[in-house]
């Protein structure tokens, strides 16, 4: 795969995951809305990684590390950085049953709607940089 194909690969996966998050929202599956939004941002960061770095993206899920290694974290607004911090536990805690109950209590319809809008804005911003 050339560089452009790698970038497109990650963007297409992110777009698919964003659509999945919207479907989960319609079904009030808020735990999975959060999980999918984390996946969206992770994949967009890996798309940007593919643009600016020669090495393949790290196989990690820590959004702030991915953003930092590409230099993108320093360009992000405080609100964008805060979004990364809020999405991070939604990837890890959604996977393990003992955390699900606690995290589900914090994921309301209103909170998930806000996360969807903020994620959409961040994705648009990263796409402009691609």
N, C-alpha and C. Protein backbone atom coordinates (compact mmCIF):
# COMPACT_ATOMS: atom_id res chain seq x y z
N UNK A 1 0.83 -1.19 0.00
CA UNK A 1 0.00 0.00 0.00
C UNK A 1 0.88 1.25 0.00
N UNK A 2 0.52 2.19 -0.83
CA UNK A 2 1.24 3.46 -0.77
C UNK A 2 0.64 4.33 0.34
N UNK A 3 1.26 5.48 0.57
CA UNK A 3 0.84 6.36 1.67
C UNK A 3 -0.63 6.75 1.57
N UNK A 4 -1.07 7.15 0.38
CA UNK A 4 -2.47 7.57 0.19
C UNK A 4 -3.44 6.44 0.48
N UNK A 5 -3.10 5.24 0.06
CA UNK A 5 -3.95 4.08 0.32
C UNK A 5 -4.04 3.78 1.81
N UNK A 6 -2.94 3.94 2.52
CA UNK A 6 -2.94 3.73 3.98
C UNK A 6 -3.84 4.75 4.66
N UNK A 7 -3.71 5.99 4.26
CA UNK A 7 -4.54 7.05 4.84
C UNK A 7 -6.02 6.75 4.57
N UNK A 8 -6.34 6.44 3.32
CA UNK A 8 -7.73 6.14 2.96
C UNK A 8 -8.27 4.93 3.72
N UNK A 9 -7.44 3.94 3.93
CA UNK A 9 -7.83 2.74 4.68
C UNK A 9 -8.33 3.14 6.08
N UNK A 10 -7.54 3.94 6.78
CA UNK A 10 -7.90 4.34 8.14
C UNK A 10 -9.13 5.25 8.15
N UNK A 11 -9.22 6.16 7.20
CA UNK A 11 -10.36 7.08 7.14
C UNK A 11 -11.65 6.31 6.86
N UNK A 12 -11.61 5.36 5.94
CA UNK A 12 -12.81 4.56 5.64
C UNK A 12 -13.26 3.76 6.87
N UNK A 13 -12.32 3.20 7.61
CA UNK A 13 -12.68 2.48 8.84
C UNK A 13 -13.30 3.43 9.87
N UNK A 14 -12.71 4.61 9.99
CA UNK A 14 -13.23 5.60 10.94
C UNK A 14 -14.64 6.04 10.56
N UNK A 15 -14.87 6.27 9.28
CA UNK A 15 -16.20 6.68 8.82
C UNK A 15 -17.23 5.58 9.10
N UNK A 16 -16.85 4.35 8.87
CA UNK A 16 -17.74 3.22 9.14
C UNK A 16 -18.07 3.15 10.64
N UNK A 17 -17.05 3.32 11.46
CA UNK A 17 -17.27 3.28 12.91
C UNK A 17 -18.14 4.44 13.38
N UNK A 18 -18.00 5.60 12.75
CA UNK A 18 -18.85 6.73 13.12
C UNK A 18 -20.31 6.43 12.80
N UNK A 19 -20.55 5.86 11.64
CA UNK A 19 -21.92 5.45 11.30
C UNK A 19 -22.45 4.43 12.30
N UNK A 20 -21.59 3.53 12.73
CA UNK A 20 -21.99 2.52 13.73
C UNK A 20 -22.35 3.20 15.05
N UNK A 21 -21.59 4.21 15.44
CA UNK A 21 -21.89 4.95 16.67
C UNK A 21 -23.27 5.60 16.57
N UNK A 22 -23.58 6.13 15.39
CA UNK A 22 -24.90 6.76 15.21
C UNK A 22 -26.02 5.73 15.32
N UNK A 23 -25.80 4.54 14.79
CA UNK A 23 -26.80 3.47 14.91
C UNK A 23 -26.96 3.04 16.36
N UNK A 24 -25.86 2.95 17.08
CA UNK A 24 -25.92 2.58 18.50
C UNK A 24 -26.69 3.66 19.28
N UNK A 25 -26.51 4.89 18.89
CA UNK A 25 -27.21 6.00 19.55
C UNK A 25 -28.72 5.86 19.35
N UNK A 26 -29.13 5.50 18.15
CA UNK A 26 -30.57 5.33 17.87
C UNK A 26 -31.17 4.23 18.73
N UNK A 27 -30.37 3.24 19.05
CA UNK A 27 -30.84 2.13 19.87
C UNK A 27 -30.58 2.31 21.35
N UNK A 28 -30.14 3.50 21.75
CA UNK A 28 -29.82 3.81 23.15
C UNK A 28 -28.76 2.88 23.73
N UNK A 29 -27.83 2.44 22.91
CA UNK A 29 -26.73 1.57 23.35
C UNK A 29 -25.52 2.46 23.63
N UNK A 30 -25.64 3.25 24.69
CA UNK A 30 -24.70 4.31 24.97
C UNK A 30 -23.28 3.81 25.25
N UNK A 31 -23.14 2.66 25.86
CA UNK A 31 -21.82 2.11 26.11
C UNK A 31 -21.07 1.92 24.79
N UNK A 32 -21.78 1.46 23.79
CA UNK A 32 -21.15 1.20 22.51
C UNK A 32 -21.03 2.45 21.65
N UNK A 33 -21.84 3.46 21.95
CA UNK A 33 -21.63 4.76 21.30
C UNK A 33 -20.24 5.27 21.70
N UNK A 34 -19.98 5.25 22.99
CA UNK A 34 -18.68 5.71 23.49
C UNK A 34 -17.53 4.88 22.95
N UNK A 35 -17.71 3.58 22.95
CA UNK A 35 -16.66 2.69 22.44
C UNK A 35 -16.36 2.98 20.98
N UNK A 36 -17.42 3.12 20.17
CA UNK A 36 -17.22 3.36 18.74
C UNK A 36 -16.61 4.74 18.48
N UNK A 37 -16.98 5.73 19.26
CA UNK A 37 -16.39 7.05 19.08
C UNK A 37 -14.89 7.03 19.38
N UNK A 38 -14.52 6.26 20.39
CA UNK A 38 -13.09 6.09 20.66
C UNK A 38 -12.41 5.48 19.44
N UNK A 39 -13.04 4.46 18.86
CA UNK A 39 -12.48 3.81 17.68
C UNK A 39 -12.34 4.79 16.51
N UNK A 40 -13.32 5.64 16.34
CA UNK A 40 -13.29 6.64 15.27
C UNK A 40 -12.05 7.52 15.41
N UNK A 41 -11.87 8.07 16.60
CA UNK A 41 -10.75 8.98 16.81
C UNK A 41 -9.42 8.23 16.69
N UNK A 42 -9.36 7.03 17.24
CA UNK A 42 -8.14 6.24 17.13
C UNK A 42 -7.76 6.02 15.66
N UNK A 43 -8.71 5.69 14.85
CA UNK A 43 -8.44 5.42 13.44
C UNK A 43 -8.09 6.69 12.67
N UNK A 44 -8.69 7.80 13.03
CA UNK A 44 -8.33 9.06 12.38
C UNK A 44 -6.91 9.47 12.77
N UNK A 45 -6.53 9.22 14.02
CA UNK A 45 -5.17 9.52 14.44
C UNK A 45 -4.17 8.61 13.71
N UNK A 46 -4.57 7.38 13.45
CA UNK A 46 -3.70 6.47 12.71
C UNK A 46 -3.63 6.87 11.23
N UNK A 47 -4.69 7.46 10.71
CA UNK A 47 -4.64 8.00 9.34
C UNK A 47 -3.64 9.14 9.28
N UNK A 48 -3.70 10.02 10.26
CA UNK A 48 -2.76 11.14 10.29
C UNK A 48 -1.33 10.64 10.50
N UNK A 49 -1.18 9.65 11.36
CA UNK A 49 0.12 9.01 11.58
C UNK A 49 0.68 8.53 10.23
N UNK A 50 -0.17 7.88 9.45
CA UNK A 50 0.25 7.34 8.15
C UNK A 50 0.67 8.45 7.19
N UNK A 51 0.13 9.64 7.39
CA UNK A 51 0.51 10.77 6.54
C UNK A 51 1.87 11.33 6.92
N UNK A 52 2.12 11.45 8.22
CA UNK A 52 3.31 12.20 8.65
C UNK A 52 4.50 11.34 9.07
N UNK A 53 4.28 10.06 9.31
CA UNK A 53 5.37 9.19 9.75
C UNK A 53 5.55 8.03 8.78
N UNK A 54 6.75 7.57 8.64
CA UNK A 54 7.04 6.46 7.74
C UNK A 54 6.70 5.11 8.37
N UNK A 55 6.89 5.00 9.66
CA UNK A 55 6.63 3.73 10.35
C UNK A 55 5.13 3.50 10.48
N UNK A 56 4.72 2.23 10.54
CA UNK A 56 3.29 1.96 10.73
C UNK A 56 2.82 2.44 12.10
N UNK A 57 1.54 2.77 12.23
CA UNK A 57 1.02 3.24 13.52
C UNK A 57 1.23 2.19 14.61
N UNK A 58 1.50 2.66 15.81
CA UNK A 58 1.61 1.77 16.95
C UNK A 58 0.30 1.03 17.16
N UNK A 59 0.39 -0.20 17.62
CA UNK A 59 -0.81 -0.99 17.91
C UNK A 59 -1.22 -0.75 19.36
N UNK A 60 -1.61 0.49 19.60
CA UNK A 60 -2.05 0.91 20.92
C UNK A 60 -3.38 1.64 20.78
N UNK A 61 -4.02 1.88 21.92
CA UNK A 61 -5.33 2.53 21.91
C UNK A 61 -5.31 3.87 22.66
N UNK A 62 -4.17 4.28 23.14
CA UNK A 62 -4.07 5.50 23.93
C UNK A 62 -4.05 6.71 22.99
N UNK A 63 -5.16 7.39 22.93
CA UNK A 63 -5.34 8.48 21.97
C UNK A 63 -4.31 9.59 22.13
N UNK A 64 -4.01 9.94 23.36
CA UNK A 64 -3.06 11.03 23.59
C UNK A 64 -1.66 10.65 23.12
N UNK A 65 -1.28 9.39 23.26
CA UNK A 65 0.04 8.94 22.78
C UNK A 65 0.08 8.99 21.26
N UNK A 66 -0.98 8.50 20.62
CA UNK A 66 -1.03 8.53 19.15
C UNK A 66 -0.94 9.97 18.65
N UNK A 67 -1.70 10.86 19.27
CA UNK A 67 -1.70 12.27 18.85
C UNK A 67 -0.35 12.92 19.12
N UNK A 68 0.25 12.59 20.23
CA UNK A 68 1.52 13.18 20.60
C UNK A 68 2.64 12.74 19.66
N UNK A 69 2.69 11.47 19.33
CA UNK A 69 3.76 10.94 18.47
C UNK A 69 3.73 11.56 17.07
N UNK A 70 2.58 12.03 16.65
CA UNK A 70 2.47 12.65 15.32
C UNK A 70 2.66 14.16 15.36
N UNK A 71 2.73 14.73 16.56
CA UNK A 71 2.81 16.17 16.70
C UNK A 71 1.46 16.85 16.68
N UNK A 72 0.41 16.07 16.52
CA UNK A 72 -0.94 16.64 16.41
C UNK A 72 -1.47 17.14 17.75
N UNK A 73 -1.07 16.51 18.84
CA UNK A 73 -1.57 16.90 20.16
C UNK A 73 -1.27 18.36 20.45
N UNK A 74 -0.09 18.81 20.07
CA UNK A 74 0.30 20.19 20.33
C UNK A 74 -0.51 21.19 19.51
N UNK A 75 -1.07 20.73 18.41
CA UNK A 75 -1.90 21.61 17.57
C UNK A 75 -3.36 21.65 18.01
N UNK A 76 -3.73 20.70 18.84
CA UNK A 76 -5.14 20.59 19.26
C UNK A 76 -5.49 21.66 20.29
N UNK A 77 -6.74 22.07 20.22
CA UNK A 77 -7.26 22.99 21.23
C UNK A 77 -7.40 22.24 22.55
N UNK A 78 -7.60 22.99 23.59
CA UNK A 78 -7.83 22.38 24.91
C UNK A 78 -9.07 21.48 24.88
N UNK A 79 -10.11 21.91 24.16
CA UNK A 79 -11.34 21.13 24.05
C UNK A 79 -11.10 19.81 23.32
N UNK A 80 -10.30 19.86 22.28
CA UNK A 80 -9.98 18.63 21.53
C UNK A 80 -9.17 17.67 22.39
N UNK A 81 -8.21 18.21 23.12
CA UNK A 81 -7.41 17.37 24.03
C UNK A 81 -8.29 16.77 25.12
N UNK A 82 -9.22 17.56 25.62
CA UNK A 82 -10.16 17.07 26.64
C UNK A 82 -11.01 15.93 26.09
N UNK A 83 -11.42 16.03 24.83
CA UNK A 83 -12.20 14.95 24.22
C UNK A 83 -11.40 13.66 24.21
N UNK A 84 -10.13 13.72 23.85
CA UNK A 84 -9.30 12.52 23.85
C UNK A 84 -9.28 11.88 25.24
N UNK A 85 -9.15 12.72 26.25
CA UNK A 85 -9.10 12.23 27.64
C UNK A 85 -10.42 11.59 28.05
N UNK A 86 -11.53 12.18 27.61
CA UNK A 86 -12.85 11.61 27.96
C UNK A 86 -13.16 10.34 27.20
N UNK A 87 -12.65 10.21 25.98
CA UNK A 87 -12.91 9.00 25.19
C UNK A 87 -12.05 7.81 25.63
N UNK A 88 -10.87 8.09 26.14
CA UNK A 88 -9.94 7.00 26.46
C UNK A 88 -10.54 5.89 27.32
N UNK A 89 -11.17 6.19 28.44
CA UNK A 89 -11.70 5.09 29.26
C UNK A 89 -12.86 4.34 28.59
N UNK A 90 -13.49 4.93 27.61
CA UNK A 90 -14.62 4.28 26.96
C UNK A 90 -14.16 3.10 26.10
N UNK A 91 -12.93 3.09 25.70
CA UNK A 91 -12.38 1.96 24.95
C UNK A 91 -12.06 0.81 25.90
N UNK A 92 -11.39 1.11 26.96
CA UNK A 92 -10.92 0.06 27.88
C UNK A 92 -12.06 -0.47 28.73
N UNK A 93 -12.80 0.42 29.34
CA UNK A 93 -13.81 0.00 30.30
C UNK A 93 -15.00 -0.65 29.64
N UNK A 94 -15.26 -0.37 28.39
CA UNK A 94 -16.38 -1.00 27.69
C UNK A 94 -16.11 -2.48 27.44
N UNK A 95 -14.86 -2.87 27.47
CA UNK A 95 -14.49 -4.24 27.15
C UNK A 95 -14.61 -5.20 28.33
N UNK A 96 -14.62 -4.69 29.54
CA UNK A 96 -14.56 -5.55 30.72
C UNK A 96 -15.83 -5.44 31.54
N UNK A 97 -16.47 -6.56 31.81
CA UNK A 97 -17.78 -6.56 32.49
C UNK A 97 -17.82 -5.81 33.81
N UNK A 98 -16.77 -5.87 34.60
CA UNK A 98 -16.84 -5.22 35.91
C UNK A 98 -16.88 -3.70 35.80
N UNK A 99 -16.44 -3.15 34.68
CA UNK A 99 -16.48 -1.72 34.50
C UNK A 99 -17.75 -1.23 33.80
N UNK A 100 -18.44 -2.14 33.14
CA UNK A 100 -19.57 -1.72 32.30
C UNK A 100 -20.65 -0.99 33.08
N UNK A 101 -21.01 -1.52 34.22
CA UNK A 101 -22.09 -0.90 34.99
C UNK A 101 -21.74 0.53 35.39
N UNK A 102 -20.52 0.73 35.85
CA UNK A 102 -20.09 2.06 36.28
C UNK A 102 -20.07 3.03 35.11
N UNK A 103 -19.54 2.62 34.00
CA UNK A 103 -19.42 3.52 32.86
C UNK A 103 -20.79 3.79 32.23
N UNK A 104 -21.67 2.79 32.23
CA UNK A 104 -23.01 2.98 31.64
C UNK A 104 -23.79 4.05 32.38
N UNK A 105 -23.55 4.19 33.68
CA UNK A 105 -24.26 5.20 34.46
C UNK A 105 -23.89 6.61 34.04
N UNK A 106 -22.68 6.78 33.52
CA UNK A 106 -22.25 8.12 33.13
C UNK A 106 -22.61 8.45 31.68
N UNK A 107 -22.99 7.45 30.90
CA UNK A 107 -23.28 7.67 29.49
C UNK A 107 -24.78 7.87 29.25
N UNK A 108 -25.19 9.11 29.33
CA UNK A 108 -26.58 9.46 29.09
C UNK A 108 -26.76 9.82 27.62
N UNK A 109 -27.98 9.95 27.21
CA UNK A 109 -28.28 10.37 25.84
C UNK A 109 -27.66 11.73 25.54
N UNK A 110 -27.82 12.65 26.46
CA UNK A 110 -27.29 14.00 26.27
C UNK A 110 -25.76 13.98 26.17
N UNK A 111 -25.12 13.25 27.07
CA UNK A 111 -23.65 13.17 27.06
C UNK A 111 -23.15 12.54 25.76
N UNK A 112 -23.80 11.47 25.33
CA UNK A 112 -23.40 10.81 24.09
C UNK A 112 -23.64 11.71 22.87
N UNK A 113 -24.72 12.46 22.88
CA UNK A 113 -24.96 13.42 21.79
C UNK A 113 -23.84 14.44 21.71
N UNK A 114 -23.41 14.93 22.87
CA UNK A 114 -22.29 15.88 22.91
C UNK A 114 -21.01 15.23 22.38
N UNK A 115 -20.75 13.98 22.80
CA UNK A 115 -19.56 13.27 22.32
C UNK A 115 -19.59 13.08 20.81
N UNK A 116 -20.76 12.77 20.29
CA UNK A 116 -20.90 12.59 18.84
C UNK A 116 -20.56 13.89 18.11
N UNK A 117 -21.10 15.01 18.59
CA UNK A 117 -20.83 16.30 17.95
C UNK A 117 -19.36 16.67 18.04
N UNK A 118 -18.76 16.49 19.21
CA UNK A 118 -17.35 16.84 19.39
C UNK A 118 -16.45 15.94 18.55
N UNK A 119 -16.80 14.65 18.48
CA UNK A 119 -16.02 13.73 17.67
C UNK A 119 -16.13 14.10 16.19
N UNK A 120 -17.31 14.44 15.76
CA UNK A 120 -17.53 14.85 14.38
C UNK A 120 -16.66 16.06 14.04
N UNK A 121 -16.61 17.02 14.95
CA UNK A 121 -15.79 18.21 14.74
C UNK A 121 -14.31 17.87 14.68
N UNK A 122 -13.86 16.98 15.57
CA UNK A 122 -12.46 16.59 15.57
C UNK A 122 -12.10 15.84 14.29
N UNK A 123 -12.97 14.94 13.86
CA UNK A 123 -12.73 14.20 12.62
C UNK A 123 -12.61 15.15 11.43
N UNK A 124 -13.51 16.11 11.36
CA UNK A 124 -13.47 17.10 10.28
C UNK A 124 -12.15 17.86 10.30
N UNK A 125 -11.69 18.23 11.48
CA UNK A 125 -10.44 18.96 11.64
C UNK A 125 -9.24 18.13 11.18
N UNK A 126 -9.22 16.86 11.59
CA UNK A 126 -8.12 15.97 11.17
C UNK A 126 -8.17 15.74 9.66
N UNK A 127 -9.37 15.55 9.11
CA UNK A 127 -9.48 15.33 7.65
C UNK A 127 -8.92 16.53 6.88
N UNK A 128 -9.12 17.72 7.40
CA UNK A 128 -8.57 18.91 6.73
C UNK A 128 -7.04 18.88 6.70
N UNK A 129 -6.46 18.22 7.67
CA UNK A 129 -5.00 18.12 7.76
C UNK A 129 -4.46 16.99 6.89
N UNK A 130 -5.34 16.12 6.45
CA UNK A 130 -4.90 15.00 5.60
C UNK A 130 -4.77 15.47 4.16
